[in-house]
Amino acid sequence: MPLTVTFKFNLGDEVVDTIPVYPVIVVSRTDYLTGCCHYGVQSRTLKDGKRMDPEWFDGSQLEVVAEGTLARGKNGGPSPNPPSM
């Protein structure tokens, strides 16, 4: 029987971490056999002119601010020109 995973957030959604509160974009998501869903989120803010590495949060710690603020790539895999945030 195939396992169906339902994610709380979609890739490209703008979410806010509730502890502390700051807006980030969902850039990746992972589901575990235990039923947990974790989301890789990245800030729109640059640090020293560079993007910060994504951080991982449990879905229970995030709330949607705006759905689909960034479009998902069509081909997948590495992109030579990633979209700017």
Protein backbone atom coordinates (compact mmCIF):
# COMPACT_ATOMS: atom_id res chain seq x y z
CA MET A 1 0.00 0.00 0.00
CA PRO A 2 1.55 3.35 -1.02
CA LEU A 3 2.13 5.92 1.68
CA THR A 4 0.45 9.26 0.98
CA VAL A 5 2.02 12.30 2.60
CA THR A 6 0.07 15.49 3.15
CA PHE A 7 2.27 18.51 3.74
CA LYS A 8 0.92 21.45 5.75
CA PHE A 9 2.85 23.98 3.63
CA ASN A 10 3.63 24.18 -0.08
CA LEU A 11 7.01 24.99 -1.57
CA GLY A 12 7.18 28.74 -2.17
CA ASP A 13 4.82 29.63 0.69
CA GLU A 14 5.94 32.47 2.92
CA VAL A 15 5.73 31.34 6.52
CA VAL A 16 6.69 32.78 9.87
CA ASP A 17 8.56 30.98 12.62
CA THR A 18 6.50 31.45 15.78
CA ILE A 19 9.57 31.27 18.06
CA PRO A 20 11.00 33.94 17.30
CA VAL A 21 8.81 35.57 14.67
CA TYR A 22 10.52 36.30 11.34
CA PRO A 23 9.28 35.64 7.78
CA VAL A 24 10.96 32.93 5.71
CA ILE A 25 10.21 30.98 2.49
CA VAL A 26 9.68 27.20 2.37
CA VAL A 27 12.40 25.86 0.05
CA SER A 28 12.31 22.15 0.97
CA ARG A 29 10.32 19.68 3.03
CA THR A 30 10.90 16.22 4.47
CA ASP A 31 8.54 13.65 5.89
CA TYR A 32 9.63 10.91 8.27
CA LEU A 33 8.25 7.45 9.00
CA THR A 34 7.38 8.72 12.46
CA GLY A 35 4.82 11.11 10.93
CA CYS A 36 6.84 14.30 11.45
CA CYS A 37 7.12 16.82 8.63
CA HIS A 38 10.05 19.23 8.72
CA TYR A 39 10.43 22.24 6.46
CA GLY A 40 13.62 23.82 5.15
CA VAL A 41 13.10 27.58 5.21
CA GLN A 42 15.26 30.41 3.92
CA SER A 43 15.21 34.10 4.73
CA ARG A 44 14.77 36.71 2.00
CA THR A 45 17.35 38.82 3.83
CA LEU A 46 20.97 38.68 2.66
CA LYS A 47 23.91 38.50 5.04
CA ASP A 48 27.10 40.12 3.74
CA GLY A 49 25.49 40.18 0.28
CA LYS A 50 24.84 36.41 0.23
CA ARG A 51 21.83 34.23 0.92
CA MET A 52 21.77 32.51 4.27
CA ASP A 53 21.66 28.71 4.41
CA PRO A 54 18.21 27.17 4.93
CA GLU A 55 17.21 26.20 8.46
CA TRP A 56 14.91 23.29 9.38
CA PHE A 57 11.77 23.61 11.51
CA ASP A 58 8.97 21.29 12.56
CA GLY A 59 5.67 22.14 10.86
CA SER A 60 4.01 22.82 14.22
CA GLN A 61 6.35 25.77 14.69
CA LEU A 62 5.36 27.56 11.44
CA GLU A 63 2.35 29.59 10.28
CA VAL A 64 1.50 30.70 6.72
CA VAL A 65 1.87 34.41 5.99
CA ALA A 66 1.29 34.25 2.21
CA GLU A 67 0.74 31.24 -0.03
CA GLY A 68 2.86 30.67 -3.13
CA THR A 69 4.98 33.82 -3.00
CA LEU A 70 7.63 32.09 -5.14
CA ALA A 71 7.00 29.81 -8.11
CA ARG A 72 8.45 26.32 -8.06
CA GLY A 73 10.93 25.42 -10.80
CA LYS A 74 9.58 23.26 -13.63
CA ASN A 75 12.55 20.96 -14.24
CA GLY A 76 13.87 20.24 -10.77
CA GLY A 77 17.53 19.72 -9.89
CA PRO A 78 20.21 22.39 -9.79
CA SER A 79 19.46 25.56 -11.67
CA PRO A 80 22.20 27.69 -13.27
CA ASN A 81 20.14 30.82 -12.54
CA PRO A 82 18.16 30.32 -9.33
CA PRO A 83 15.31 32.81 -8.85
CA SER A 84 16.13 35.80 -6.68
CA MET A 85 13.98 36.37 -3.63
